[in-house]
Amino acid sequence: MKIKKRKRKFKVGSNITIKHVANIELNTNELITLKNKSSEYDITKKSWGYYATPSINMRLRNNGFLTAIIKNKSTKNKFIVLVDKKKKILFKNYINKENIKVIKWLKN
């Protein structure tokens, strides 16, 4: 694994600033875990690509996340998002402000 620290900021959506803080290069079968105070999220590099999320119906749910496919109505770009169950109102406010619609909630 290689980690390269980055210092860059850029704007997205309606004046949201994103801070790019690092690039991480994984080798095959390496995993990184992103953590905060109440949850964790894994990304695993495979020879054919990546497991971009832990299991939707088990680990994500057990860590308090809901999974959805969303679409930006303006650009037509689609994304997979993980929404903290305790912050669904913040997510709803965000998608309304950013002109995004939920295509599908992914459940069991």
C-alpha atoms as a PDB file:
ATOM      1  CA  MET A   1       0.000   0.000   0.000  1.00  0.00           C
ATOM      2  CA  LYS A   2       1.176   3.519  -0.819  1.00  0.00           C
ATOM      3  CA  ILE A   3      -0.260   6.680   0.744  1.00  0.00           C
ATOM      4  CA  LYS A   4       0.377  10.080  -0.797  1.00  0.00           C
ATOM      5  CA  LYS A   5      -0.887  13.077   1.151  1.00  0.00           C
ATOM      6  CA  ARG A   6      -2.704  15.685  -0.908  1.00  0.00           C
ATOM      7  CA  LYS A   7      -3.719  19.271  -0.257  1.00  0.00           C
ATOM      8  CA  ARG A   8      -6.343  20.392  -2.691  1.00  0.00           C
ATOM      9  CA  LYS A   9      -9.810  21.873  -2.467  1.00  0.00           C
ATOM     10  CA  PHE A  10     -12.512  22.112  -5.114  1.00  0.00           C
ATOM     11  CA  LYS A  11     -16.130  23.149  -5.342  1.00  0.00           C
ATOM     12  CA  VAL A  12     -19.015  20.865  -6.308  1.00  0.00           C
ATOM     13  CA  GLY A  13     -22.770  21.285  -6.463  1.00  0.00           C
ATOM     14  CA  SER A  14     -24.223  24.425  -4.961  1.00  0.00           C
ATOM     15  CA  ASN A  15     -21.056  25.784  -3.376  1.00  0.00           C
ATOM     16  CA  ILE A  16     -19.843  22.707  -1.461  1.00  0.00           C
ATOM     17  CA  THR A  17     -16.076  22.547  -0.882  1.00  0.00           C
ATOM     18  CA  ILE A  18     -14.397  19.133  -0.965  1.00  0.00           C
ATOM     19  CA  LYS A  19     -10.920  18.657   0.552  1.00  0.00           C
ATOM     20  CA  HIS A  20      -8.791  16.011  -1.150  1.00  0.00           C
ATOM     21  CA  VAL A  21      -6.444  14.826   1.630  1.00  0.00           C
ATOM     22  CA  ALA A  22      -4.771  11.633   0.333  1.00  0.00           C
ATOM     23  CA  ASN A  23      -4.353   9.121  -2.465  1.00  0.00           C
ATOM     24  CA  ILE A  24      -4.137   5.481  -1.375  1.00  0.00           C
ATOM     25  CA  GLU A  25      -2.851   2.824  -3.760  1.00  0.00           C
ATOM     26  CA  LEU A  26      -3.785  -0.706  -2.691  1.00  0.00           C
ATOM     27  CA  ASN A  27      -2.303  -3.973  -3.867  1.00  0.00           C
ATOM     28  CA  THR A  28      -4.510  -6.987  -4.658  1.00  0.00           C
ATOM     29  CA  ASN A  29      -6.333  -8.363  -1.601  1.00  0.00           C
ATOM     30  CA  GLU A  30      -5.525  -5.346   0.568  1.00  0.00           C
ATOM     31  CA  LEU A  31      -8.282  -3.621   2.532  1.00  0.00           C
ATOM     32  CA  ILE A  32      -8.594  -0.175   4.087  1.00  0.00           C
ATOM     33  CA  THR A  33     -11.150   0.770   6.729  1.00  0.00           C
ATOM     34  CA  LEU A  34     -12.506   4.294   7.026  1.00  0.00           C
ATOM     35  CA  LYS A  35     -13.701   5.015  10.560  1.00  0.00           C
ATOM     36  CA  ASN A  36     -15.567   7.635  12.504  1.00  0.00           C
ATOM     37  CA  LYS A  37     -16.845   7.578  16.091  1.00  0.00           C
ATOM     38  CA  SER A  38     -19.842   5.353  15.401  1.00  0.00           C
ATOM     39  CA  SER A  39     -19.179   3.365  12.212  1.00  0.00           C
ATOM     40  CA  GLU A  40     -16.679   1.953   9.761  1.00  0.00           C
ATOM     41  CA  TYR A  41     -16.477   1.380   6.012  1.00  0.00           C
ATOM     42  CA  ASP A  42     -14.181  -1.009   4.086  1.00  0.00           C
ATOM     43  CA  ILE A  43     -12.782  -0.909   0.557  1.00  0.00           C
ATOM     44  CA  THR A  44     -10.974  -4.004  -0.748  1.00  0.00           C
ATOM     45  CA  LYS A  45      -8.739  -4.227  -3.827  1.00  0.00           C
ATOM     46  CA  LYS A  46      -9.139  -7.417  -5.876  1.00  0.00           C
ATOM     47  CA  SER A  47      -7.310  -8.571  -9.009  1.00  0.00           C
ATOM     48  CA  TRP A  48     -10.446  -7.765 -11.062  1.00  0.00           C
ATOM     49  CA  GLY A  49     -11.288  -4.400  -9.435  1.00  0.00           C
ATOM     50  CA  TYR A  50     -12.701  -3.430  -6.016  1.00  0.00           C
ATOM     51  CA  TYR A  51     -15.258  -4.343  -3.451  1.00  0.00           C
ATOM     52  CA  ALA A  52     -16.403  -0.734  -3.098  1.00  0.00           C
ATOM     53  CA  THR A  53     -18.631  -1.408  -0.090  1.00  0.00           C
ATOM     54  CA  PRO A  54     -19.036  -4.004   2.625  1.00  0.00           C
ATOM     55  CA  SER A  55     -22.136  -6.194   2.298  1.00  0.00           C
ATOM     56  CA  ILE A  56     -25.242  -4.023   1.870  1.00  0.00           C
ATOM     57  CA  ASN A  57     -27.572  -6.377   3.723  1.00  0.00           C
ATOM     58  CA  MET A  58     -25.252  -7.121   6.656  1.00  0.00           C
ATOM     59  CA  ARG A  59     -22.163  -5.047   7.553  1.00  0.00           C
ATOM     60  CA  LEU A  60     -23.410  -1.710   6.212  1.00  0.00           C
ATOM     61  CA  ARG A  61     -26.778  -2.180   7.876  1.00  0.00           C
ATOM     62  CA  ASN A  62     -25.117  -3.267  11.135  1.00  0.00           C
ATOM     63  CA  ASN A  63     -22.933  -0.133  11.017  1.00  0.00           C
ATOM     64  CA  GLY A  64     -26.009   2.081  10.651  1.00  0.00           C
ATOM     65  CA  PHE A  65     -25.941   2.779   6.912  1.00  0.00           C
ATOM     66  CA  LEU A  66     -28.675   2.689   4.285  1.00  0.00           C
ATOM     67  CA  THR A  67     -27.566   2.248   0.661  1.00  0.00           C
ATOM     68  CA  ALA A  68     -29.113   4.023  -2.320  1.00  0.00           C
ATOM     69  CA  ILE A  69     -28.526   4.718  -5.986  1.00  0.00           C
ATOM     70  CA  ILE A  70     -29.030   8.411  -6.710  1.00  0.00           C
ATOM     71  CA  LYS A  71     -29.032  10.556  -9.848  1.00  0.00           C
ATOM     72  CA  ASN A  72     -28.141  14.199 -10.310  1.00  0.00           C
ATOM     73  CA  LYS A  73     -31.097  15.552 -12.291  1.00  0.00           C
ATOM     74  CA  SER A  74     -28.959  18.198 -14.038  1.00  0.00           C
ATOM     75  CA  THR A  75     -25.877  16.214 -15.070  1.00  0.00           C
ATOM     76  CA  LYS A  76     -27.567  12.776 -15.180  1.00  0.00           C
ATOM     77  CA  ASN A  77     -24.582  11.335 -13.255  1.00  0.00           C
ATOM     78  CA  LYS A  78     -25.424   8.372 -11.004  1.00  0.00           C
ATOM     79  CA  PHE A  79     -23.850   7.510  -7.650  1.00  0.00           C
ATOM     80  CA  ILE A  80     -24.078   4.886  -4.924  1.00  0.00           C
ATOM     81  CA  VAL A  81     -24.377   6.546  -1.515  1.00  0.00           C
ATOM     82  CA  LEU A  82     -24.352   5.328   2.064  1.00  0.00           C
ATOM     83  CA  VAL A  83     -26.672   7.269   4.337  1.00  0.00           C
ATOM     84  CA  ASP A  84     -26.327   7.238   8.108  1.00  0.00           C
ATOM     85  CA  LYS A  85     -29.706   6.008   9.426  1.00  0.00           C
ATOM     86  CA  LYS A  86     -29.611   8.723  12.088  1.00  0.00           C
ATOM     87  CA  LYS A  87     -29.058  11.452   9.478  1.00  0.00           C
ATOM     88  CA  LYS A  88     -31.792  10.743   6.915  1.00  0.00           C
ATOM     89  CA  ILE A  89     -33.222  14.265   7.350  1.00  0.00           C
ATOM     90  CA  LEU A  90     -29.830  15.800   6.508  1.00  0.00           C
ATOM     91  CA  PHE A  91     -29.656  13.550   3.444  1.00  0.00           C
ATOM     92  CA  LYS A  92     -33.163  14.565   2.365  1.00  0.00           C
ATOM     93  CA  ASN A  93     -32.229  18.242   2.712  1.00  0.00           C
ATOM     94  CA  TYR A  94     -29.041  17.644   0.713  1.00  0.00           C
ATOM     95  CA  ILE A  95     -30.710  15.887  -2.228  1.00  0.00           C
ATOM     96  CA  ASN A  96     -33.437  18.538  -2.392  1.00  0.00           C
ATOM     97  CA  LYS A  97     -30.874  21.371  -2.416  1.00  0.00           C
ATOM     98  CA  GLU A  98     -28.579  19.658  -4.930  1.00  0.00           C
ATOM     99  CA  ASN A  99     -31.333  18.624  -7.390  1.00  0.00           C
ATOM    100  CA  ILE A 100     -30.779  14.900  -6.822  1.00  0.00           C
ATOM    101  CA  LYS A 101     -33.312  12.082  -6.823  1.00  0.00           C
ATOM    102  CA  VAL A 102     -33.153   8.651  -5.255  1.00  0.00           C
ATOM    103  CA  ILE A 103     -33.465   6.035  -7.994  1.00  0.00           C
ATOM    104  CA  LYS A 104     -33.597   3.092  -5.594  1.00  0.00           C
ATOM    105  CA  TRP A 105     -32.938   2.208  -1.972  1.00  0.00           C
ATOM    106  CA  LEU A 106     -30.977  -1.066  -1.911  1.00  0.00           C
ATOM    107  CA  LYS A 107     -32.318  -3.381   0.791  1.00  0.00           C
ATOM    108  CA  ASN A 108     -32.107  -7.062   1.708  1.00  0.00           C
END
